[in-house]
């Protein structure tokens, strides 16, 4: 269940961050509501994740997955450029998540 909670936390955080961008500096009401609700949901499910996955590892996976996914949302939805150094950095972030999940005994439930 912990990884399901973590997945929900990541998705909620990415949606909230996209809504934050869409809020135009907190001037648009509907995106502000989605931002606040999204972050609340993300933190709630991240807290549930902490019950079984060590805090440092859960937070690392949450933030890393969020960085990669929100970068993709920025590129696709908001037409923001990702140059080669940015893409290489994102690949390293993904590799970090893979290494944690495959090789770390700390994440075994």
Protein backbone atom coordinates (compact mmCIF):
# COMPACT_ATOMS: atom_id res chain seq x y z
CA UNK A 1 0.00 0.00 0.00
CA UNK A 2 2.88 2.37 0.71
CA UNK A 3 3.85 2.68 -2.94
CA UNK A 4 0.22 3.30 -3.89
CA UNK A 5 0.10 6.11 -1.32
CA UNK A 6 3.36 7.46 -2.69
CA UNK A 7 1.99 7.37 -6.24
CA UNK A 8 -1.13 9.29 -5.19
CA UNK A 9 1.08 11.83 -3.38
CA UNK A 10 3.23 12.35 -6.48
CA UNK A 11 0.27 12.74 -8.83
CA UNK A 12 -1.47 15.18 -6.46
CA UNK A 13 1.72 17.22 -6.10
CA UNK A 14 2.26 17.40 -9.85
CA UNK A 15 -1.34 18.47 -10.46
CA UNK A 16 -1.06 21.06 -7.69
CA UNK A 17 2.16 22.46 -9.13
CA UNK A 18 0.63 22.67 -12.61
CA UNK A 19 -2.36 24.47 -11.09
CA UNK A 20 0.04 26.81 -9.29
CA UNK A 21 1.54 27.78 -12.66
CA UNK A 22 -1.96 28.19 -14.11
CA UNK A 23 -2.96 30.44 -11.19
CA UNK A 24 -0.91 33.23 -12.76
CA UNK A 25 0.76 34.32 -9.53
CA UNK A 26 -2.23 33.43 -7.36
CA UNK A 27 -4.59 35.68 -9.31
CA UNK A 28 -6.96 33.02 -10.72
CA UNK A 29 -9.37 31.52 -8.18
CA UNK A 30 -10.05 28.05 -9.66
CA UNK A 31 -6.36 27.13 -10.09
CA UNK A 32 -5.68 28.42 -6.55
CA UNK A 33 -8.31 26.03 -5.18
CA UNK A 34 -6.78 23.11 -7.12
CA UNK A 35 -3.32 24.11 -5.87
CA UNK A 36 -4.33 24.12 -2.21
CA UNK A 37 -6.36 20.90 -2.45
CA UNK A 38 -3.65 19.16 -4.46
CA UNK A 39 -0.90 19.98 -2.00
CA UNK A 40 -3.12 18.97 0.94
CA UNK A 41 -3.83 15.60 -0.69
CA UNK A 42 -0.16 15.16 -1.59
CA UNK A 43 1.04 15.82 1.95
CA UNK A 44 -1.65 13.60 3.46
CA UNK A 45 -0.65 10.62 1.31
CA UNK A 46 3.05 11.35 1.76
CA UNK A 47 2.43 11.18 5.50
CA UNK A 48 0.79 7.78 5.08
CA UNK A 49 3.82 6.65 3.10
CA UNK A 50 6.09 7.58 6.02
CA UNK A 51 4.43 4.88 8.12
CA UNK A 52 6.22 2.13 6.20
CA UNK A 53 8.94 3.66 4.01
CA UNK A 54 11.73 5.58 5.75
CA UNK A 55 11.11 9.31 5.57
CA UNK A 56 14.30 10.18 3.68
CA UNK A 57 13.74 7.58 0.99
CA UNK A 58 10.02 8.29 0.60
CA UNK A 59 10.68 12.02 0.33
CA UNK A 60 13.52 11.44 -2.15
CA UNK A 61 11.28 9.33 -4.38
CA UNK A 62 8.36 11.78 -4.03
CA UNK A 63 10.40 14.83 -4.90
CA UNK A 64 12.38 13.12 -7.68
CA UNK A 65 9.27 11.75 -9.38
CA UNK A 66 7.61 15.13 -8.97
CA UNK A 67 10.54 16.94 -10.58
CA UNK A 68 10.56 14.64 -13.59
CA UNK A 69 6.79 14.65 -14.07
CA UNK A 70 6.32 18.41 -13.59
CA UNK A 71 9.15 19.00 -16.07
CA UNK A 72 7.22 16.90 -18.58
CA UNK A 73 4.00 18.81 -17.81
CA UNK A 74 5.86 22.11 -18.25
CA UNK A 75 7.22 20.94 -21.60
CA UNK A 76 3.93 19.50 -22.93
CA UNK A 77 1.27 21.76 -21.41
CA UNK A 78 3.08 25.06 -20.87
CA UNK A 79 5.45 24.75 -23.89
CA UNK A 80 8.56 25.26 -21.75
CA UNK A 81 11.86 24.17 -23.28
CA UNK A 82 14.00 21.38 -21.88
CA UNK A 83 17.51 21.65 -23.28
CA UNK A 84 20.05 18.81 -23.37
CA UNK A 85 21.57 19.49 -19.91
CA UNK A 86 18.05 19.53 -18.40
CA UNK A 87 17.18 16.23 -20.09
CA UNK A 88 20.44 14.65 -18.92
CA UNK A 89 19.72 15.82 -15.38
CA UNK A 90 16.22 14.35 -15.52
CA UNK A 91 17.64 11.03 -16.71
CA UNK A 92 19.98 11.00 -13.69
CA UNK A 93 17.01 11.68 -11.41
CA UNK A 94 15.13 8.73 -12.92
CA UNK A 95 18.21 6.56 -12.52
CA UNK A 96 18.36 7.56 -8.86
CA UNK A 97 14.77 6.42 -8.32
CA UNK A 98 15.50 3.13 -10.10
CA UNK A 99 18.65 2.51 -8.03
CA UNK A 100 16.76 3.15 -4.79
CA UNK A 101 13.93 0.81 -5.73
CA UNK A 102 16.11 -2.01 -7.07
CA UNK A 103 19.09 -1.98 -4.75
CA UNK A 104 18.07 -0.37 -1.46
CA UNK A 105 16.98 -2.77 1.23
CA UNK A 106 15.56 0.21 3.14
CA UNK A 107 12.47 0.29 0.91
CA UNK A 108 11.52 -3.36 1.38
CA UNK A 109 8.24 -3.64 3.21
